[in-house]
Amino acid sequence: MAISGYGVTAGDRELLDAAERARHAAFRKPEDRDRYAAAHVGLRRLLGAYLGQEPSSVVIGREPCPLCPVPDPDSGTGPGPEPHGRPSAPGSGLHFSLSHSGDLVLFAFGPTPVGIDVELLADVRQADEISAVLHPGERAELDALRTDDAARLAAFGRCWCRKEAYLKGTGTGLAVPLDGTYVGAGLQPGQVPGWQLTDLAVRPGYAAALAVADIPHGGCAGRR
């Protein structure tokens, strides 16, 4: 969905919860505030359609972070930090993910964990700096394109979006080392056990990818 020029109304902003309104207000530029509101209002409207609810009734929560220890109720240390893993629609069985960059926003919904990422491609020099934290195999693929800036930037965009989509899907986000899982920078995504990675066609100057967790053998796909 393109969000350039999206007219966000006061009624739209009323759909945001308190945390979203605080983040919305923190943007300094009006266009950034409008992009944020358009993306998150769009998410609530789509979730409402999937769940058969009014957008104003949709509750968005967070799953526990897979990196954080499970609090021990008998330890006397309290309940621990607020959940900050994957976003969730509590009790629905529906998984979803949101990403926005520049003037594009992408949504993903599914019966198993999903992650999606879209990026407005930056200057190739910035991509080269960030590439240092990637998997050695990915760095080698990018280094092989050292004499072709345009191809290297496109390859970096593919790699970064695949990686971030996968890490969003797992619920860890960028809190884990980025060299730990190979997703590839070539034209075909690398194979990640338990996940399917797919590059998405978007407008020129952007890259995007989707990660979908496999349905466990003998498991139930749940809501579609």
Protein backbone atom coordinates (compact mmCIF):
# COMPACT_ATOMS: atom_id res chain seq x y z
CA MET A 1 0.00 0.00 0.00
CA ALA A 2 1.34 3.45 -0.91
CA ILE A 3 0.88 5.97 1.89
CA SER A 4 2.24 9.08 0.18
CA GLY A 5 -0.37 11.82 0.48
CA TYR A 6 -2.67 9.68 2.63
CA GLY A 7 -5.11 12.01 4.38
CA VAL A 8 -5.13 11.02 8.05
CA THR A 9 -8.17 12.41 9.84
CA ALA A 10 -8.75 13.05 13.52
CA GLY A 11 -11.13 10.09 13.45
CA ASP A 12 -8.36 7.88 12.10
CA ARG A 13 -6.04 8.90 14.92
CA GLU A 14 -8.72 8.00 17.46
CA LEU A 15 -8.27 4.37 16.41
CA LEU A 16 -4.70 4.34 17.76
CA ASP A 17 -4.07 3.13 21.30
CA ALA A 18 -2.19 5.16 23.90
CA ALA A 19 1.23 3.76 23.01
CA GLU A 20 0.68 4.36 19.30
CA ARG A 21 -0.49 7.92 19.92
CA ALA A 22 2.64 8.59 21.96
CA ARG A 23 4.86 7.30 19.15
CA HIS A 24 2.83 9.26 16.61
CA ALA A 25 3.30 12.47 18.58
CA ALA A 26 7.06 11.87 18.90
CA PHE A 27 7.68 12.30 15.16
CA ARG A 28 8.96 15.79 14.45
CA LYS A 29 7.91 16.02 10.80
CA PRO A 30 4.18 16.11 9.92
CA GLU A 31 4.72 13.78 6.96
CA ASP A 32 6.35 11.20 9.23
CA ARG A 33 3.45 11.42 11.66
CA ASP A 34 1.00 10.93 8.80
CA ARG A 35 2.92 7.91 7.46
CA TYR A 36 2.97 6.30 10.90
CA ALA A 37 -0.73 6.94 11.44
CA ALA A 38 -1.65 5.66 7.98
CA ALA A 39 0.28 2.42 8.54
CA HIS A 40 -1.13 1.69 11.98
CA VAL A 41 -4.68 2.76 11.19
CA GLY A 42 -4.48 0.54 8.10
CA LEU A 43 -3.35 -2.36 10.29
CA ARG A 44 -6.29 -1.91 12.65
CA ARG A 45 -8.77 -1.74 9.79
CA LEU A 46 -7.39 -4.92 8.22
CA LEU A 47 -7.28 -6.74 11.56
CA GLY A 48 -10.89 -5.72 12.14
CA ALA A 49 -11.84 -7.22 8.78
CA TYR A 50 -10.01 -10.48 9.54
CA LEU A 51 -11.46 -10.75 13.04
CA GLY A 52 -14.97 -9.53 12.27
CA GLN A 53 -14.59 -6.56 14.63
CA GLU A 54 -14.82 -2.83 14.38
CA PRO A 55 -11.32 -1.32 14.04
CA SER A 56 -11.91 0.63 17.25
CA SER A 57 -12.45 -2.67 19.11
CA VAL A 58 -9.26 -4.37 17.94
CA VAL A 59 -6.82 -5.09 20.76
CA ILE A 60 -3.15 -5.39 19.81
CA GLY A 61 -0.84 -6.96 22.36
CA ARG A 62 2.63 -8.46 22.49
CA GLU A 63 3.79 -12.02 22.91
CA PRO A 64 6.59 -12.76 25.39
CA CYS A 65 10.08 -12.11 24.02
CA PRO A 66 11.74 -15.46 23.20
CA LEU A 67 15.06 -14.10 24.47
CA CYS A 68 13.80 -13.14 27.93
CA PRO A 69 13.69 -15.66 30.80
CA VAL A 70 10.24 -16.77 31.87
CA PRO A 71 9.46 -15.08 35.22
CA ASP A 72 9.29 -17.44 38.19
CA PRO A 73 6.12 -16.61 40.14
CA ASP A 74 7.72 -18.01 43.31
CA SER A 75 10.89 -15.92 43.06
CA GLY A 76 9.42 -12.83 44.67
CA THR A 77 10.97 -10.60 41.99
CA GLY A 78 7.70 -9.48 40.44
CA PRO A 79 6.15 -10.22 37.06
CA GLY A 80 9.14 -9.13 34.96
CA PRO A 81 9.16 -6.74 32.01
CA GLU A 82 6.14 -6.13 29.82
CA PRO A 83 5.92 -8.59 26.89
CA HIS A 84 7.81 -7.18 23.89
CA GLY A 85 7.91 -10.05 21.39
CA ARG A 86 5.79 -10.42 18.27
CA PRO A 87 2.68 -8.23 18.04
CA SER A 88 -0.47 -10.25 18.55
CA ALA A 89 -4.25 -10.14 18.46
CA PRO A 90 -4.84 -11.95 21.78
CA GLY A 91 -6.99 -15.06 21.60
CA SER A 92 -7.51 -14.90 17.83
CA GLY A 93 -4.93 -17.36 16.47
CA LEU A 94 -4.14 -14.80 13.77
CA HIS A 95 -0.51 -13.81 13.21
CA PHE A 96 0.44 -10.56 11.53
CA SER A 97 3.32 -8.24 10.76
CA LEU A 98 3.70 -4.65 9.58
CA SER A 99 6.53 -2.73 7.93
CA HIS A 100 6.72 0.75 6.48
CA SER A 101 9.54 2.68 4.87
CA GLY A 102 9.44 5.80 2.76
CA ASP A 103 6.02 5.92 1.12
CA LEU A 104 5.24 2.20 1.28
CA VAL A 105 3.62 0.06 3.96
CA LEU A 106 3.26 -3.73 3.78
CA PHE A 107 1.12 -6.03 5.91
CA ALA A 108 1.25 -9.81 6.37
CA PHE A 109 -1.38 -12.06 7.96
CA GLY A 110 -1.36 -15.81 8.42
CA PRO A 111 -2.16 -18.87 10.54
CA THR A 112 1.49 -19.26 11.58
CA PRO A 113 4.06 -16.63 12.64
CA VAL A 114 4.92 -14.19 9.86
CA GLY A 115 7.35 -11.33 9.39
CA ILE A 116 7.48 -8.72 6.66
CA ASP A 117 9.95 -5.97 5.85
CA VAL A 118 10.18 -3.20 3.26
CA GLU A 119 13.09 -0.81 2.94
CA LEU A 120 13.73 2.32 0.92
CA LEU A 121 17.23 1.59 -0.36
CA ALA A 122 19.87 3.93 1.01
CA ASP A 123 23.20 5.04 -0.39
CA VAL A 124 25.46 2.11 -1.23
CA ARG A 125 28.11 3.43 1.18
CA GLN A 126 25.69 3.03 4.07
CA ALA A 127 24.84 -0.46 2.86
CA ASP A 128 28.55 -1.34 2.80
CA GLU A 129 28.96 -0.18 6.41
CA ILE A 130 26.00 -2.23 7.62
CA SER A 131 27.13 -5.30 5.67
CA ALA A 132 29.94 -5.84 8.16
CA VAL A 133 27.47 -7.35 10.66
CA LEU A 134 25.96 -9.89 8.24
CA HIS A 135 26.63 -13.62 7.91
CA PRO A 136 30.05 -14.41 6.35
CA GLY A 137 28.37 -16.04 3.35
CA GLU A 138 26.26 -12.94 2.76
CA ARG A 139 29.29 -10.68 3.05
CA ALA A 140 31.11 -12.80 0.47
CA GLU A 141 28.19 -12.52 -1.95
CA LEU A 142 28.14 -8.74 -1.55
CA ASP A 143 31.93 -8.49 -1.88
CA ALA A 144 31.67 -10.32 -5.22
CA LEU A 145 29.70 -7.31 -6.49
CA ARG A 146 32.31 -4.80 -5.35
CA THR A 147 32.67 -3.25 -8.82
CA ASP A 148 28.91 -2.81 -9.39
CA ASP A 149 27.36 -0.37 -6.92
CA ALA A 150 23.80 -0.73 -8.22
CA ALA A 151 23.86 -4.54 -8.12
CA ARG A 152 25.48 -4.53 -4.67
CA LEU A 153 22.85 -2.15 -3.26
CA ALA A 154 20.04 -4.30 -4.69
CA ALA A 155 21.64 -7.45 -3.23
CA PHE A 156 22.05 -5.79 0.15
CA GLY A 157 18.39 -4.75 0.10
CA ARG A 158 17.30 -8.33 -0.62
CA CYS A 159 19.48 -9.69 2.16
CA TRP A 160 18.48 -7.10 4.75
CA CYS A 161 14.74 -7.45 4.11
CA ARG A 162 14.90 -11.25 4.24
CA LYS A 163 16.82 -11.13 7.50
CA GLU A 164 14.61 -8.56 9.18
CA ALA A 165 11.41 -10.29 8.01
CA TYR A 166 12.70 -13.58 9.47
CA LEU A 167 13.73 -12.00 12.77
CA LYS A 168 10.38 -10.22 13.05
CA GLY A 169 8.72 -13.58 12.52
CA THR A 170 10.74 -15.24 15.28
CA GLY A 171 9.92 -12.39 17.64
CA THR A 172 13.52 -11.48 18.45
CA GLY A 173 13.86 -8.59 16.03
CA LEU A 174 17.34 -7.14 15.72
CA ALA A 175 18.26 -8.07 19.31
CA VAL A 176 20.23 -11.10 18.08
CA PRO A 177 23.54 -11.16 16.17
CA LEU A 178 22.82 -10.67 12.48
CA ASP A 179 25.59 -13.05 11.41
CA GLY A 180 23.91 -16.07 12.98
CA THR A 181 21.45 -17.04 10.23
CA TYR A 182 22.17 -17.15 6.50
CA VAL A 183 19.36 -15.75 4.33
CA GLY A 184 21.50 -14.93 1.31
CA ALA A 185 22.04 -11.88 -0.86
CA GLY A 186 21.57 -13.63 -4.21
CA LEU A 187 18.48 -13.76 -6.38
CA GLN A 188 17.06 -16.72 -4.42
CA PRO A 189 16.63 -16.61 -0.63
CA GLY A 190 18.65 -18.97 1.51
CA GLN A 191 16.91 -21.90 3.18
CA VAL A 192 16.11 -21.30 6.84
CA PRO A 193 14.83 -24.40 8.70
CA GLY A 194 11.18 -24.05 9.64
CA TRP A 195 10.61 -20.94 7.53
CA GLN A 196 9.80 -19.94 3.98
CA LEU A 197 11.40 -16.71 2.73
CA THR A 198 10.00 -14.90 -0.30
CA ASP A 199 11.16 -11.72 -2.01
CA LEU A 200 8.31 -9.34 -2.83
CA ALA A 201 8.00 -7.19 -5.94
CA VAL A 202 7.68 -3.53 -4.98
CA ARG A 203 8.31 -0.22 -6.71
CA PRO A 204 11.83 0.67 -7.91
CA GLY A 205 14.15 1.93 -5.20
CA TYR A 206 12.70 -0.39 -2.55
CA ALA A 207 13.26 -3.97 -1.44
CA ALA A 208 10.83 -6.20 0.46
CA ALA A 209 10.57 -9.74 1.80
CA LEU A 210 8.15 -12.02 3.61
CA ALA A 211 8.93 -14.79 6.11
CA VAL A 212 6.31 -17.42 6.97
CA ALA A 213 6.76 -20.14 9.58
CA ASP A 214 6.02 -23.68 8.45
CA ILE A 215 2.91 -25.37 9.84
CA PRO A 216 4.12 -28.03 12.31
CA HIS A 217 3.63 -31.62 11.12
CA GLY A 218 0.34 -32.85 12.51
CA GLY A 219 -0.51 -29.33 13.64
CA CYS A 220 -3.52 -27.20 12.89
CA ALA A 221 -3.24 -24.09 10.76
CA GLY A 222 -5.89 -22.30 12.81
CA ARG A 223 -7.54 -19.20 11.43
CA ARG A 224 -7.14 -18.34 7.76
